[in-house]
Amino acid sequence: MTKADIVNAVYTDAGGGYSKKESADLVDDVFETMKETLARGEKIKISGFGNFVLRDKRQRQGRNPQTGEPIVITERRVLNFKASQLLKQALNADLTEDELRSDPGAASDPDASSPSNPSHASFSADHGE
């Protein structure tokens, strides 16, 4: 889903209460407010959806995967998203108990993020991108 898709959903769901431009402005305002809140270091809690939290990562040693040379990974802020229980349940509503048990990732590591287990998916991105 793209930002344009979100604008169209707001426009459609509002039942004509907003123009297309007003819908776009509303979506822009929500995203701008979220961005400003996170930039201040505050977390965002959306009931029934999840939490967005900034985490500081310290500088550390790493390796260039192509050359194997040691490199310094600079300190940075990353954005994490943790889905609420309600969202996790909605994502798994169509899975049967057998399908959940047959997921090899779920049995060995229940918190692993995998395409076959979206309830444990997490989002992490460098701040400012």
N, C-alpha and C. Protein backbone atom coordinates (compact mmCIF):
# COMPACT_ATOMS: atom_id res chain seq x y z
N MET A 1 0.85 -1.17 0.00
CA MET A 1 0.00 0.00 0.00
C MET A 1 0.90 1.23 0.00
N THR A 2 0.57 2.18 -0.83
CA THR A 2 1.33 3.42 -0.92
C THR A 2 0.58 4.56 -0.22
N LYS A 3 1.27 5.68 -0.10
CA LYS A 3 0.63 6.85 0.50
C LYS A 3 -0.60 7.26 -0.32
N ALA A 4 -0.50 7.18 -1.64
CA ALA A 4 -1.64 7.51 -2.50
C ALA A 4 -2.82 6.57 -2.23
N ASP A 5 -2.53 5.30 -1.96
CA ASP A 5 -3.59 4.34 -1.63
C ASP A 5 -4.26 4.72 -0.31
N ILE A 6 -3.47 5.17 0.65
CA ILE A 6 -4.02 5.60 1.94
C ILE A 6 -4.92 6.81 1.74
N VAL A 7 -4.46 7.77 0.93
CA VAL A 7 -5.27 8.97 0.64
C VAL A 7 -6.59 8.55 0.00
N ASN A 8 -6.53 7.63 -0.96
CA ASN A 8 -7.76 7.16 -1.61
C ASN A 8 -8.69 6.46 -0.63
N ALA A 9 -8.13 5.68 0.30
CA ALA A 9 -8.95 5.01 1.31
C ALA A 9 -9.63 6.02 2.23
N VAL A 10 -8.91 7.06 2.64
CA VAL A 10 -9.50 8.10 3.49
C VAL A 10 -10.60 8.81 2.73
N TYR A 11 -10.34 9.14 1.48
CA TYR A 11 -11.32 9.83 0.64
C TYR A 11 -12.59 8.99 0.48
N THR A 12 -12.41 7.70 0.18
CA THR A 12 -13.54 6.80 -0.03
C THR A 12 -14.31 6.54 1.27
N ASP A 13 -13.58 6.26 2.34
CA ASP A 13 -14.22 5.94 3.62
C ASP A 13 -14.94 7.14 4.23
N ALA A 14 -14.51 8.35 3.87
CA ALA A 14 -15.15 9.56 4.41
C ALA A 14 -16.50 9.80 3.74
N GLY A 15 -16.82 9.04 2.70
CA GLY A 15 -18.12 9.15 2.05
C GLY A 15 -18.41 10.53 1.48
N GLY A 16 -17.39 11.17 0.95
CA GLY A 16 -17.59 12.49 0.36
C GLY A 16 -17.46 13.62 1.36
N GLY A 17 -17.12 13.31 2.60
CA GLY A 17 -16.97 14.35 3.61
C GLY A 17 -15.74 15.21 3.40
N TYR A 18 -14.77 14.67 2.68
CA TYR A 18 -13.53 15.41 2.37
C TYR A 18 -13.29 15.36 0.87
N SER A 19 -12.69 16.42 0.35
CA SER A 19 -12.26 16.39 -1.04
C SER A 19 -10.99 15.54 -1.11
N LYS A 20 -10.56 15.21 -2.33
CA LYS A 20 -9.33 14.44 -2.51
C LYS A 20 -8.15 15.20 -1.91
N LYS A 21 -8.10 16.52 -2.13
CA LYS A 21 -7.00 17.33 -1.59
C LYS A 21 -7.05 17.38 -0.07
N GLU A 22 -8.24 17.52 0.50
CA GLU A 22 -8.36 17.53 1.96
C GLU A 22 -7.93 16.19 2.55
N SER A 23 -8.26 15.11 1.86
CA SER A 23 -7.84 13.78 2.30
C SER A 23 -6.32 13.67 2.27
N ALA A 24 -5.70 14.17 1.20
CA ALA A 24 -4.24 14.14 1.09
C ALA A 24 -3.59 14.99 2.17
N ASP A 25 -4.17 16.17 2.43
CA ASP A 25 -3.64 17.05 3.49
C ASP A 25 -3.75 16.38 4.86
N LEU A 26 -4.86 15.70 5.10
CA LEU A 26 -5.07 15.01 6.37
C LEU A 26 -4.01 13.91 6.57
N VAL A 27 -3.80 13.11 5.55
CA VAL A 27 -2.79 12.05 5.62
C VAL A 27 -1.40 12.65 5.83
N ASP A 28 -1.08 13.72 5.09
CA ASP A 28 0.21 14.40 5.26
C ASP A 28 0.37 14.90 6.69
N ASP A 29 -0.68 15.48 7.25
CA ASP A 29 -0.62 15.99 8.63
C ASP A 29 -0.37 14.87 9.64
N VAL A 30 -1.01 13.74 9.44
CA VAL A 30 -0.81 12.60 10.36
C VAL A 30 0.64 12.14 10.30
N PHE A 31 1.16 11.96 9.08
CA PHE A 31 2.55 11.50 8.94
C PHE A 31 3.54 12.53 9.47
N GLU A 32 3.28 13.80 9.25
CA GLU A 32 4.17 14.85 9.74
C GLU A 32 4.17 14.87 11.27
N THR A 33 3.00 14.72 11.87
CA THR A 33 2.91 14.67 13.33
C THR A 33 3.67 13.47 13.89
N MET A 34 3.54 12.34 13.24
CA MET A 34 4.27 11.15 13.67
C MET A 34 5.78 11.37 13.55
N LYS A 35 6.21 11.94 12.44
CA LYS A 35 7.63 12.21 12.23
C LYS A 35 8.18 13.15 13.29
N GLU A 36 7.47 14.23 13.58
CA GLU A 36 7.91 15.20 14.59
C GLU A 36 7.96 14.57 15.98
N THR A 37 6.97 13.74 16.29
CA THR A 37 6.93 13.07 17.60
C THR A 37 8.13 12.15 17.76
N LEU A 38 8.43 11.36 16.74
CA LEU A 38 9.57 10.46 16.80
C LEU A 38 10.89 11.23 16.84
N ALA A 39 10.97 12.34 16.11
CA ALA A 39 12.19 13.15 16.11
C ALA A 39 12.49 13.72 17.50
N ARG A 40 11.45 13.94 18.30
CA ARG A 40 11.63 14.41 19.68
C ARG A 40 12.00 13.26 20.62
N GLY A 41 12.05 12.05 20.09
CA GLY A 41 12.41 10.90 20.91
C GLY A 41 11.24 10.28 21.64
N GLU A 42 10.03 10.70 21.31
CA GLU A 42 8.84 10.15 21.96
C GLU A 42 8.33 8.94 21.19
N LYS A 43 7.71 8.01 21.92
CA LYS A 43 7.14 6.84 21.25
C LYS A 43 5.72 7.14 20.81
N ILE A 44 5.26 6.40 19.83
CA ILE A 44 3.89 6.53 19.34
C ILE A 44 3.16 5.23 19.63
N LYS A 45 2.05 5.33 20.37
CA LYS A 45 1.22 4.17 20.71
C LYS A 45 -0.12 4.34 20.02
N ILE A 46 -0.45 3.42 19.15
CA ILE A 46 -1.74 3.45 18.46
C ILE A 46 -2.53 2.22 18.91
N SER A 47 -3.53 2.46 19.73
CA SER A 47 -4.32 1.38 20.31
C SER A 47 -4.89 0.48 19.21
N GLY A 48 -4.74 -0.82 19.39
CA GLY A 48 -5.26 -1.78 18.43
C GLY A 48 -4.38 -1.96 17.21
N PHE A 49 -3.29 -1.22 17.12
CA PHE A 49 -2.40 -1.31 15.96
C PHE A 49 -0.98 -1.67 16.38
N GLY A 50 -0.35 -0.80 17.20
CA GLY A 50 1.00 -1.11 17.66
C GLY A 50 1.73 0.12 18.14
N ASN A 51 3.02 -0.07 18.44
CA ASN A 51 3.87 0.99 18.96
C ASN A 51 5.07 1.23 18.04
N PHE A 52 5.39 2.49 17.84
CA PHE A 52 6.60 2.89 17.12
C PHE A 52 7.55 3.46 18.16
N VAL A 53 8.78 2.94 18.21
CA VAL A 53 9.75 3.37 19.22
C VAL A 53 11.10 3.57 18.56
N LEU A 54 11.76 4.69 18.89
CA LEU A 54 13.13 4.93 18.44
C LEU A 54 14.09 4.27 19.42
N ARG A 55 15.10 3.64 18.88
CA ARG A 55 16.14 3.05 19.72
C ARG A 55 17.49 3.56 19.23
N ASP A 56 18.36 3.85 20.19
CA ASP A 56 19.71 4.29 19.86
C ASP A 56 20.61 3.07 19.77
N LYS A 57 21.36 2.98 18.67
CA LYS A 57 22.34 1.90 18.49
C LYS A 57 23.72 2.49 18.68
N ARG A 58 24.54 1.84 19.48
CA ARG A 58 25.90 2.32 19.71
C ARG A 58 26.80 1.97 18.54
N GLN A 59 27.92 2.67 18.45
CA GLN A 59 28.93 2.36 17.44
C GLN A 59 29.46 0.96 17.74
N ARG A 60 29.75 0.20 16.67
CA ARG A 60 30.28 -1.15 16.88
C ARG A 60 31.13 -1.58 15.70
N GLN A 61 31.88 -2.63 15.92
CA GLN A 61 32.70 -3.22 14.86
C GLN A 61 31.82 -4.10 13.99
N GLY A 62 32.06 -4.05 12.71
CA GLY A 62 31.36 -4.92 11.78
C GLY A 62 32.33 -5.41 10.73
N ARG A 63 31.83 -6.10 9.74
CA ARG A 63 32.66 -6.60 8.65
C ARG A 63 32.01 -6.29 7.32
N ASN A 64 32.82 -5.87 6.36
CA ASN A 64 32.35 -5.70 5.00
C ASN A 64 32.05 -7.10 4.47
N PRO A 65 30.81 -7.40 4.09
CA PRO A 65 30.47 -8.76 3.66
C PRO A 65 31.16 -9.18 2.36
N GLN A 66 31.58 -8.22 1.54
CA GLN A 66 32.23 -8.57 0.27
C GLN A 66 33.72 -8.82 0.44
N THR A 67 34.37 -8.02 1.29
CA THR A 67 35.83 -8.14 1.42
C THR A 67 36.25 -8.80 2.73
N GLY A 68 35.37 -8.84 3.71
CA GLY A 68 35.72 -9.40 5.00
C GLY A 68 36.50 -8.44 5.88
N GLU A 69 36.79 -7.23 5.37
CA GLU A 69 37.55 -6.25 6.15
C GLU A 69 36.71 -5.72 7.30
N PRO A 70 37.37 -5.47 8.45
CA PRO A 70 36.64 -4.86 9.56
C PRO A 70 36.26 -3.42 9.25
N ILE A 71 35.07 -3.02 9.67
CA ILE A 71 34.61 -1.64 9.49
C ILE A 71 33.95 -1.18 10.77
N VAL A 72 33.84 0.13 10.91
CA VAL A 72 33.14 0.70 12.07
C VAL A 72 31.73 1.06 11.63
N ILE A 73 30.75 0.53 12.33
CA ILE A 73 29.36 0.89 12.08
C ILE A 73 29.03 2.00 13.07
N THR A 74 28.73 3.17 12.53
CA THR A 74 28.52 4.35 13.37
C THR A 74 27.24 4.24 14.19
N GLU A 75 27.20 5.01 15.28
CA GLU A 75 25.99 5.03 16.10
C GLU A 75 24.87 5.66 15.29
N ARG A 76 23.66 5.22 15.56
CA ARG A 76 22.51 5.71 14.81
C ARG A 76 21.24 5.43 15.59
N ARG A 77 20.16 6.01 15.12
CA ARG A 77 18.84 5.74 15.69
C ARG A 77 18.09 4.85 14.70
N VAL A 78 17.38 3.87 15.24
CA VAL A 78 16.56 3.01 14.40
C VAL A 78 15.12 3.06 14.90
N LEU A 79 14.21 2.87 14.00
CA LEU A 79 12.79 2.87 14.33
C LEU A 79 12.30 1.43 14.39
N ASN A 80 11.69 1.07 15.50
CA ASN A 80 11.12 -0.26 15.66
C ASN A 80 9.61 -0.15 15.75
N PHE A 81 8.94 -1.15 15.19
CA PHE A 81 7.49 -1.25 15.29
C PHE A 81 7.14 -2.58 15.94
N LYS A 82 6.29 -2.55 16.94
CA LYS A 82 5.80 -3.78 17.57
C LYS A 82 4.29 -3.80 17.43
N ALA A 83 3.80 -4.82 16.77
CA ALA A 83 2.36 -4.95 16.53
C ALA A 83 1.62 -5.27 17.82
N SER A 84 0.40 -4.73 17.94
CA SER A 84 -0.44 -5.02 19.11
C SER A 84 -1.00 -6.44 18.99
N GLN A 85 -1.50 -6.96 20.11
CA GLN A 85 -2.12 -8.28 20.10
C GLN A 85 -3.30 -8.32 19.14
N LEU A 86 -4.11 -7.25 19.11
CA LEU A 86 -5.26 -7.23 18.20
C LEU A 86 -4.83 -7.32 16.75
N LEU A 87 -3.77 -6.61 16.37
CA LEU A 87 -3.27 -6.67 15.00
C LEU A 87 -2.73 -8.06 14.70
N LYS A 88 -1.98 -8.63 15.63
CA LYS A 88 -1.45 -9.99 15.44
C LYS A 88 -2.58 -10.99 15.23
N GLN A 89 -3.64 -10.87 16.04
CA GLN A 89 -4.78 -11.78 15.91
C GLN A 89 -5.45 -11.61 14.55
N ALA A 90 -5.59 -10.36 14.10
CA ALA A 90 -6.22 -10.11 12.80
C ALA A 90 -5.38 -10.69 11.66
N LEU A 91 -4.06 -10.60 11.78
CA LEU A 91 -3.18 -11.12 10.74
C LEU A 91 -3.21 -12.64 10.69
N ASN A 92 -3.50 -13.27 11.81
CA ASN A 92 -3.51 -14.73 11.88
C ASN A 92 -4.91 -15.33 11.90
N ALA A 93 -5.94 -14.52 11.74
CA ALA A 93 -7.32 -14.99 11.85
C ALA A 93 -7.64 -16.09 10.85
N ASP A 94 -7.02 -16.07 9.67
CA ASP A 94 -7.35 -17.05 8.65
C ASP A 94 -6.46 -18.30 8.72
N LEU A 95 -5.50 -18.33 9.65
CA LEU A 95 -4.65 -19.50 9.79
C LEU A 95 -5.27 -20.49 10.77
N THR A 96 -5.23 -21.76 10.39
CA THR A 96 -5.74 -22.79 11.30
C THR A 96 -4.66 -23.14 12.31
N GLU A 97 -5.06 -23.82 13.35
CA GLU A 97 -4.11 -24.26 14.38
C GLU A 97 -3.06 -25.18 13.77
N ASP A 98 -3.45 -26.06 12.81
CA ASP A 98 -2.50 -26.96 12.16
C ASP A 98 -1.46 -26.18 11.36
N GLU A 99 -1.89 -25.13 10.67
CA GLU A 99 -0.95 -24.32 9.89
C GLU A 99 0.06 -23.63 10.81
N LEU A 100 -0.41 -23.15 11.95
CA LEU A 100 0.50 -22.51 12.89
C LEU A 100 1.50 -23.51 13.46
N ARG A 101 1.05 -24.74 13.74
CA ARG A 101 1.94 -25.77 14.27
C ARG A 101 2.93 -26.25 13.22
N SER A 102 2.55 -26.24 11.94
CA SER A 102 3.43 -26.74 10.89
C SER A 102 4.48 -25.73 10.47
N ASP A 103 4.43 -24.52 10.98
CA ASP A 103 5.42 -23.49 10.66
C ASP A 103 6.70 -23.80 11.42
N PRO A 104 7.77 -24.24 10.72
CA PRO A 104 8.99 -24.61 11.43
C PRO A 104 9.62 -23.44 12.18
N GLY A 105 9.48 -22.24 11.70
CA GLY A 105 10.03 -21.07 12.38
C GLY A 105 9.33 -20.79 13.69
N ALA A 106 8.04 -21.05 13.74
CA ALA A 106 7.26 -20.77 14.95
C ALA A 106 7.63 -21.73 16.06
N ALA A 107 7.96 -22.98 15.71
CA ALA A 107 8.28 -23.96 16.74
C ALA A 107 9.65 -23.71 17.35
N SER A 108 10.63 -23.36 16.52
CA SER A 108 11.99 -23.20 17.04
C SER A 108 12.23 -21.83 17.66
N ASP A 109 11.64 -20.79 17.09
CA ASP A 109 11.85 -19.44 17.61
C ASP A 109 10.55 -18.67 17.49
N PRO A 110 9.73 -18.65 18.54
CA PRO A 110 8.41 -18.03 18.45
C PRO A 110 8.44 -16.54 18.17
N ASP A 111 9.56 -15.88 18.41
CA ASP A 111 9.64 -14.44 18.14
C ASP A 111 10.32 -14.13 16.82
N ALA A 112 10.61 -15.14 16.03
CA ALA A 112 11.31 -14.91 14.77
C ALA A 112 10.39 -14.22 13.78
N SER A 113 10.97 -13.32 13.01
CA SER A 113 10.22 -12.64 11.97
C SER A 113 10.37 -13.44 10.69
N SER A 114 9.26 -13.88 10.12
CA SER A 114 9.32 -14.63 8.88
C SER A 114 8.05 -14.37 8.09
N PRO A 115 8.14 -14.52 6.75
CA PRO A 115 6.95 -14.28 5.93
C PRO A 115 5.81 -15.23 6.28
N SER A 116 6.13 -16.44 6.77
CA SER A 116 5.07 -17.38 7.09
C SER A 116 4.49 -17.13 8.48
N ASN A 117 5.07 -16.20 9.23
CA ASN A 117 4.58 -15.90 10.57
C ASN A 117 4.51 -14.39 10.77
N PRO A 118 3.53 -13.73 10.13
CA PRO A 118 3.48 -12.26 10.19
C PRO A 118 3.18 -11.70 11.56
N SER A 119 2.70 -12.52 12.48
CA SER A 119 2.37 -11.98 13.80
C SER A 119 3.61 -11.55 14.56
N HIS A 120 4.77 -12.02 14.14
CA HIS A 120 5.99 -11.66 14.83
C HIS A 120 6.87 -10.77 13.97
N ALA A 121 6.31 -10.18 12.95
CA ALA A 121 7.09 -9.29 12.10
C ALA A 121 7.40 -8.01 12.84
N SER A 122 8.58 -7.49 12.58
CA SER A 122 8.94 -6.20 13.16
C SER A 122 9.52 -5.34 12.06
N PHE A 123 9.47 -4.05 12.28
CA PHE A 123 9.96 -3.10 11.31
C PHE A 123 11.12 -2.35 11.93
N SER A 124 12.20 -2.24 11.19
CA SER A 124 13.33 -1.47 11.70
C SER A 124 13.93 -0.70 10.53
N ALA A 125 14.10 0.59 10.71
CA ALA A 125 14.68 1.42 9.65
C ALA A 125 15.54 2.49 10.28
N ASP A 126 16.58 2.88 9.56
CA ASP A 126 17.42 3.97 10.06
C ASP A 126 16.63 5.24 10.12
N HIS A 127 16.81 6.03 11.17
CA HIS A 127 16.12 7.31 11.36
C HIS A 127 16.50 8.26 10.25
N GLY A 128 15.54 8.93 9.68
CA GLY A 128 15.80 9.96 8.68
C GLY A 128 15.74 9.49 7.26
N GLU A 129 15.49 8.22 7.03
CA GLU A 129 15.39 7.75 5.67
C GLU A 129 13.97 7.79 5.17
